[in-house]
Each structure stands twice: as C-alpha cells, then as structure tokens.
Amino acid sequence: MKRMMGLFASLLCLALTSCSHLHKSGLTAELVTRAHQIDIFNPDDMDRVLASDPASLSEEQFYQYERAIISGYSGSGGHFLEGSQIAWLREAEAAFQARGIRLKDRWQRGYAIADSYLNYQRYDHAYEEFKAIHDQAGMELAEWFMHNKGIKSGVVNIREYPGKIPCQASENTRAVDEWRSFVAYFKGPVYRYDRRTRSHAIIYAPEDKYDWCDSLRFNGRQLVISLRDDAGVFEFDNKTHEIAERPNLTVSDLIEIHMLAHPNLPLPLEEQAQ
C-alpha cells in the first residue's frame, strides 16, 4: 500500500512539474490521431489547433493544420486570418527553422497573411508581407491604399512603376487612346498603362473589392469610372490626377457633357484594346 502511495505521489509530482508541457503536447497528440478529421467549421477544433505546440509537430502534421487554418478563414472574398492564426503560423515557421527544416509553400502562406491584412485595411502590414514574398501587384495596391484610402474627391496620389501591369486577375473592361490604356480588373483596381514610357500606375481602387469597375470611358483627358451595381460613378482627370464622385450622373451623361465641352476630343477606342 505504501509502495502504491509512493508511486502515486511520484506521478503526481511529475504531472505538476510538467503540466504546461503536457497540456500542449496532449492537445497535439489528440489532434495528431484525428488530423484528417479536423472540422474547419467547428470552433472547438480550431481552438485546439491553435493551442497545439508547433514545435512538436511533424512537417506533415503542420501542413494539415496550416491547410485547416487557411481554408477555415478564407472564401470568395479572399483571406481573413486574424492575429491568433497569423501568430501560430509564424511560431510554427520559427520552430521548424530552429530545427533546420525549411517549410514548403512559403509564398502561398505569405500571400494568405498579406491578403488578410489587406482585407482588414491594415495596409502597412499588408505592404510588408507582400514585399517579403515579392508580390509586386500586392505591394502596389497596399501602397495605393496607404496614400489614398477612402478618397472620393481630391488629387489622387499616384506612383508610376516601370514595366507592364502586374495584376493577374481577369480583365473586366478597358478604354484606350493612341498612347494610354486604362484597364479595370475583377475585384481589383483600375490601372493606367503608358505605351510611350512603358510604365503603369494604379489610379483608382474600391475599398470594397465587390464594388469593382465594370465600365470605363475616356475622351482624351477625363476618364469615367463606373462601378458595378450602382456603387458609384467617378470622373478622373488624367492630367491633374483629380478625382470626383458624380452620384447623380450616369456614364452616358458624363460622356455627353464632355463631348459638349470638348468637341474635338475623341470618344474612347475600346475596339483598339489589343
């Protein structure tokens, strides 16, 4: 009896001196046995994943948890990882690096984090994350928002970049003249490309990506930007870079006004898009 009591006391002491480690490793062991059964829509499962110790995971286990985290906080509107999910992924990266293991999918993981910061309007963090993975389109968009967030009227802060437009989204619409192309992208910004200088710039981006531009008209100086579902009509002066919202006018109204004011300026040449 005394021997059993002594054994029980020893086990209790061991448990008390290592309870913190056992808590995390126990959660990890539980998840390891059923990693393929993680329900990304179950808050309890996600809490257990985030409470697990990344240092005790194998690479395969990490990739399973990473996939559960990113899938659980993503959708058609992009990625929406919060601070705790981002912190867990960063802790895991550091833990594996300390073990001399280079994790795969660094770009995809970095993009999910950068896009999350962008969607939560933390544009400075988004810029740094896009920069870390060398995503030029992401850097340019984050920088545009850093300088122009919420603009509806006034001078747009525009930065020119060398080379072609880097956006990989599908094209919605464009307007062109002899030297310039204005291109709007699905759930993305409106770019200007100058064929003389071979440079590009973002001139407008909706804060809500679902308010993407679906119509562009250019008369040689003014660009009319029409957003989908009556989300807004804007007039952009390509010379002064001033933009103004025109809530009571349609695209046709603006084009007619410009033709009356500038009868010698041409209508847009969309048919010369290519």
Protein backbone atom coordinates (compact mmCIF):
# COMPACT_ATOMS: atom_id res chain seq x y z
CA MET A 1 0.00 0.00 0.00
CA LYS A 2 2.80 2.40 0.93
CA ARG A 3 4.60 1.47 -2.30
CA MET A 4 1.49 2.31 -4.33
CA MET A 5 1.03 5.58 -2.48
CA GLY A 6 4.65 6.47 -3.15
CA LEU A 7 4.25 5.68 -6.83
CA PHE A 8 1.09 7.81 -6.99
CA ALA A 9 2.89 10.70 -5.31
CA SER A 10 5.77 10.48 -7.77
CA LEU A 11 3.42 10.51 -10.73
CA LEU A 12 1.52 13.45 -9.29
CA CYS A 13 4.72 15.38 -8.77
CA LEU A 14 5.82 14.68 -12.34
CA ALA A 15 2.48 15.87 -13.66
CA LEU A 16 2.57 19.07 -11.64
CA THR A 17 6.12 19.96 -12.68
CA SER A 18 5.34 19.49 -16.37
CA CYS A 19 1.65 20.39 -16.60
CA SER A 20 2.22 23.20 -19.08
CA HIS A 21 4.13 20.96 -21.46
CA LEU A 22 1.64 18.12 -21.08
CA HIS A 23 -1.26 20.46 -21.82
CA LYS A 24 0.13 21.47 -25.20
CA SER A 25 1.60 18.10 -26.12
CA GLY A 26 -1.60 16.39 -25.05
CA LEU A 27 -3.64 18.61 -27.32
CA THR A 28 -1.18 17.99 -30.13
CA ALA A 29 -1.31 14.24 -29.63
CA GLU A 30 -5.10 14.31 -29.67
CA LEU A 31 -5.13 16.24 -32.93
CA VAL A 32 -2.46 14.04 -34.48
CA THR A 33 -4.65 10.97 -34.03
CA ARG A 34 -7.51 12.62 -35.91
CA ALA A 35 -5.85 15.28 -38.06
CA HIS A 36 -7.76 14.15 -41.11
CA GLN A 37 -11.00 14.71 -39.18
CA ILE A 38 -10.43 18.37 -38.29
CA ASP A 39 -13.65 20.30 -38.90
CA ILE A 40 -12.73 23.82 -40.03
CA PHE A 41 -16.25 25.00 -39.18
CA ASN A 42 -16.04 23.70 -35.61
CA PRO A 43 -14.70 26.44 -33.29
CA ASP A 44 -13.57 23.82 -30.76
CA ASP A 45 -11.43 22.05 -33.35
CA MET A 46 -9.87 25.31 -34.49
CA ASP A 47 -9.16 26.33 -30.89
CA ARG A 48 -7.39 23.02 -30.35
CA VAL A 49 -5.27 23.53 -33.45
CA LEU A 50 -4.21 26.99 -32.29
CA ALA A 51 -3.48 25.66 -28.79
CA SER A 52 -1.19 22.93 -30.12
CA ASP A 53 2.58 23.26 -29.89
CA PRO A 54 4.07 23.74 -33.39
CA ALA A 55 7.47 22.57 -32.13
CA SER A 56 6.10 19.07 -31.53
CA LEU A 57 4.58 18.66 -34.99
CA SER A 58 5.96 16.80 -37.96
CA GLU A 59 6.00 18.57 -41.32
CA GLU A 60 3.02 16.55 -42.50
CA GLN A 61 1.04 17.47 -39.40
CA PHE A 62 1.93 21.14 -39.80
CA TYR A 63 0.71 21.19 -43.40
CA GLN A 64 -2.59 19.62 -42.30
CA TYR A 65 -3.09 22.26 -39.61
CA GLU A 66 -1.97 25.06 -41.92
CA ARG A 67 -4.48 23.93 -44.55
CA ALA A 68 -7.23 23.82 -41.91
CA ILE A 69 -6.40 27.35 -40.69
CA ILE A 70 -6.17 28.98 -44.11
CA SER A 71 -9.23 27.17 -45.50
CA GLY A 72 -11.25 27.99 -42.41
CA TYR A 73 -10.57 31.71 -42.71
CA SER A 74 -10.84 32.17 -46.47
CA GLY A 75 -13.59 32.49 -49.04
CA SER A 76 -14.55 34.10 -52.31
CA GLY A 77 -13.68 37.50 -50.83
CA GLY A 78 -10.11 36.43 -50.07
CA HIS A 79 -8.31 35.57 -46.85
CA PHE A 80 -9.34 36.74 -43.39
CA LEU A 81 -6.79 35.29 -40.97
CA GLU A 82 -6.83 37.05 -37.62
CA GLY A 83 -4.00 37.77 -35.23
CA SER A 84 -4.05 34.41 -33.44
CA GLN A 85 -3.93 32.41 -36.69
CA ILE A 86 -1.11 34.53 -38.11
CA ALA A 87 0.83 34.27 -34.83
CA TRP A 88 0.50 30.45 -34.83
CA LEU A 89 1.79 30.20 -38.40
CA ARG A 90 4.73 32.47 -37.61
CA GLU A 91 5.51 30.50 -34.45
CA ALA A 92 5.48 27.29 -36.50
CA GLU A 93 7.83 28.77 -39.10
CA ALA A 94 10.28 29.77 -36.37
CA ALA A 95 10.04 26.36 -34.68
CA PHE A 96 10.79 24.47 -37.88
CA GLN A 97 13.57 26.88 -38.80
CA ALA A 98 15.16 26.23 -35.41
CA ARG A 99 15.09 22.51 -36.26
CA GLY A 100 16.77 23.21 -39.59
CA ILE A 101 13.62 22.44 -41.60
CA ARG A 102 12.60 24.72 -44.45
CA LEU A 103 8.82 24.63 -44.85
CA LYS A 104 7.27 24.47 -48.30
CA ASP A 105 4.59 26.79 -49.67
CA ARG A 106 6.17 29.92 -48.21
CA TRP A 107 4.69 32.10 -50.94
CA GLN A 108 1.15 30.75 -50.51
CA ARG A 109 1.35 31.13 -46.74
CA GLY A 110 2.75 34.64 -47.03
CA TYR A 111 0.07 35.62 -49.54
CA ALA A 112 -2.72 34.41 -47.23
CA ILE A 113 -1.28 36.57 -44.44
CA ALA A 114 -0.73 39.61 -46.67
CA ASP A 115 -4.20 39.37 -48.21
CA SER A 116 -5.72 39.10 -44.73
CA TYR A 117 -4.02 42.32 -43.64
CA LEU A 118 -5.24 43.97 -46.85
CA ASN A 119 -8.83 42.88 -46.25
CA TYR A 120 -8.69 44.18 -42.68
CA GLN A 121 -7.34 47.50 -44.04
CA ARG A 122 -4.02 47.16 -42.24
CA TYR A 123 -2.26 48.38 -45.32
CA ASP A 124 1.19 48.96 -43.84
CA HIS A 125 1.35 45.36 -42.61
CA ALA A 126 0.00 44.13 -45.94
CA TYR A 127 2.70 46.04 -47.80
CA GLU A 128 5.49 44.46 -45.75
CA GLU A 129 4.06 40.96 -46.18
CA PHE A 130 3.65 41.40 -49.95
CA LYS A 131 7.20 42.75 -50.10
CA ALA A 132 8.52 39.70 -48.26
CA ILE A 133 7.11 37.37 -50.93
CA HIS A 134 8.00 39.71 -53.83
CA ASP A 135 4.38 40.25 -54.88
CA GLN A 136 4.58 43.44 -56.92
CA ALA A 137 0.85 43.75 -57.57
CA GLY A 138 0.09 43.38 -53.85
CA MET A 139 2.73 45.93 -52.89
CA GLU A 140 1.37 48.47 -55.35
CA LEU A 141 -2.21 48.04 -54.19
CA ALA A 142 -1.31 48.24 -50.49
CA GLU A 143 0.79 51.36 -51.13
CA TRP A 144 -2.05 52.98 -53.10
CA PHE A 145 -4.43 52.47 -50.18
CA MET A 146 -1.83 53.79 -47.71
CA HIS A 147 -1.92 57.12 -49.57
CA ASN A 148 -5.49 57.23 -50.91
CA LYS A 149 -7.74 55.27 -48.54
CA GLY A 150 -11.33 56.47 -48.73
CA ILE A 151 -10.74 59.06 -51.44
CA LYS A 152 -13.89 60.19 -53.27
CA SER A 153 -12.73 63.63 -54.33
CA GLY A 154 -9.39 65.40 -54.50
CA VAL A 155 -5.99 64.66 -56.02
CA VAL A 156 -5.07 61.01 -56.19
CA ASN A 157 -1.55 60.20 -55.01
CA ILE A 158 -0.25 58.23 -57.97
CA ARG A 159 3.06 56.43 -58.28
CA GLU A 160 4.39 55.26 -61.63
CA TYR A 161 6.12 51.88 -61.87
CA PRO A 162 8.22 50.61 -64.77
CA GLY A 163 7.00 47.80 -66.97
CA LYS A 164 3.73 46.08 -67.65
CA ILE A 165 0.73 45.92 -65.32
CA PRO A 166 1.44 43.10 -62.82
CA CYS A 167 -2.16 42.32 -61.88
CA GLN A 168 -3.05 38.65 -62.53
CA ALA A 169 -6.83 38.99 -62.11
CA SER A 170 -9.11 38.73 -65.10
CA GLU A 171 -9.75 41.92 -67.05
CA ASN A 172 -13.21 43.46 -66.80
CA THR A 173 -13.06 46.37 -69.18
CA ARG A 174 -10.67 48.85 -70.71
CA ALA A 175 -10.53 52.19 -72.54
CA VAL A 176 -7.64 53.25 -74.76
CA ASP A 177 -6.31 56.06 -76.88
CA GLU A 178 -3.20 56.37 -79.01
CA TRP A 179 -0.76 56.16 -76.10
CA ARG A 180 -2.60 55.02 -72.99
CA SER A 181 -4.64 52.08 -71.82
CA PHE A 182 -6.91 52.17 -68.78
CA VAL A 183 -7.68 48.67 -67.54
CA ALA A 184 -10.09 47.57 -64.79
CA TYR A 185 -9.71 44.16 -63.15
CA PHE A 186 -12.17 41.81 -61.49
CA LYS A 187 -12.23 42.54 -57.75
CA GLY A 188 -9.23 44.75 -58.38
CA PRO A 189 -8.05 48.26 -59.19
CA VAL A 190 -8.09 50.42 -62.30
CA TYR A 191 -4.64 50.74 -63.88
CA ARG A 192 -3.19 53.15 -66.42
CA TYR A 193 -0.51 51.94 -68.81
CA ASP A 194 1.54 54.43 -70.84
CA ARG A 195 2.97 52.90 -74.00
CA ARG A 196 5.39 55.78 -74.52
CA THR A 197 7.13 55.47 -71.16
CA ARG A 198 6.30 51.78 -70.73
CA SER A 199 5.13 52.42 -67.21
CA HIS A 200 1.96 51.74 -65.24
CA ALA A 201 0.11 53.13 -62.23
CA ILE A 202 -2.98 52.46 -60.14
CA ILE A 203 -5.38 55.37 -60.50
CA TYR A 204 -8.36 54.02 -58.53
CA ALA A 205 -9.23 51.07 -56.30
CA PRO A 206 -12.53 50.49 -54.49
CA GLU A 207 -12.24 49.81 -50.75
CA ASP A 208 -14.76 47.01 -51.13
CA LYS A 209 -13.43 44.65 -53.79
CA TYR A 210 -17.00 43.68 -54.67
CA ASP A 211 -17.52 47.22 -55.99
CA TRP A 212 -15.21 46.58 -58.92
CA CYS A 213 -15.30 48.75 -62.03
CA ASP A 214 -17.36 47.36 -64.90
CA SER A 215 -17.24 50.32 -67.33
CA LEU A 216 -14.56 52.79 -68.44
CA ARG A 217 -14.90 55.67 -70.92
CA PHE A 218 -12.04 58.01 -71.88
CA ASN A 219 -12.29 61.12 -74.04
CA GLY A 220 -8.62 62.07 -74.17
CA ARG A 221 -8.40 63.70 -70.75
CA GLN A 222 -11.23 62.65 -68.46
CA LEU A 223 -11.77 59.01 -67.56
CA VAL A 224 -15.24 57.98 -66.39
CA ILE A 225 -15.08 55.10 -63.91
CA SER A 226 -18.39 53.32 -63.33
CA LEU A 227 -18.63 50.74 -60.54
CA ARG A 228 -20.93 47.73 -60.64
CA ASP A 229 -24.44 47.67 -59.21
CA ASP A 230 -24.64 51.48 -59.00
CA ALA A 231 -21.86 51.55 -56.40
CA GLY A 232 -20.65 54.85 -57.82
CA VAL A 233 -19.52 56.86 -60.83
CA PHE A 234 -16.24 58.77 -60.68
CA GLU A 235 -14.57 61.24 -63.01
CA PHE A 236 -10.76 61.15 -63.14
CA ASP A 237 -8.74 63.92 -64.76
CA ASN A 238 -5.76 62.23 -66.38
CA LYS A 239 -3.76 65.49 -66.45
CA THR A 240 -4.26 66.83 -62.91
CA HIS A 241 -4.99 63.43 -61.29
CA GLU A 242 -8.05 64.89 -59.62
CA ILE A 243 -10.96 62.55 -58.99
CA ALA A 244 -14.56 63.43 -58.14
CA GLU A 245 -17.61 61.33 -57.44
CA ARG A 246 -20.61 62.11 -59.62
CA PRO A 247 -23.50 60.49 -57.75
CA ASN A 248 -26.33 61.98 -59.80
CA LEU A 249 -24.91 61.32 -63.25
CA THR A 250 -24.73 58.23 -65.39
CA VAL A 251 -21.81 57.32 -67.61
CA SER A 252 -23.79 58.46 -70.67
CA ASP A 253 -24.49 61.84 -69.03
CA LEU A 254 -20.80 62.41 -68.34
CA ILE A 255 -19.77 61.44 -71.85
CA GLU A 256 -22.35 63.84 -73.32
CA ILE A 257 -21.13 66.67 -71.07
CA HIS A 258 -17.52 66.06 -72.11
CA MET A 259 -18.40 65.98 -75.79
CA LEU A 260 -20.15 69.34 -75.47
CA ALA A 261 -17.26 70.84 -73.53
CA HIS A 262 -14.52 69.28 -75.68
CA PRO A 263 -15.98 68.63 -79.13
CA ASN A 264 -12.56 67.97 -80.65
CA LEU A 265 -11.62 65.21 -78.20
CA PRO A 266 -12.23 61.67 -79.46
CA LEU A 267 -14.51 59.11 -77.95
CA PRO A 268 -12.79 56.10 -76.38
CA LEU A 269 -11.36 53.50 -78.71
CA GLU A 270 -12.25 50.29 -76.88
CA GLU A 271 -12.13 48.38 -80.12
CA GLN A 272 -8.35 49.01 -80.26
CA ALA A 273 -7.85 47.27 -76.92
CA GLN A 274 -5.42 44.70 -78.25
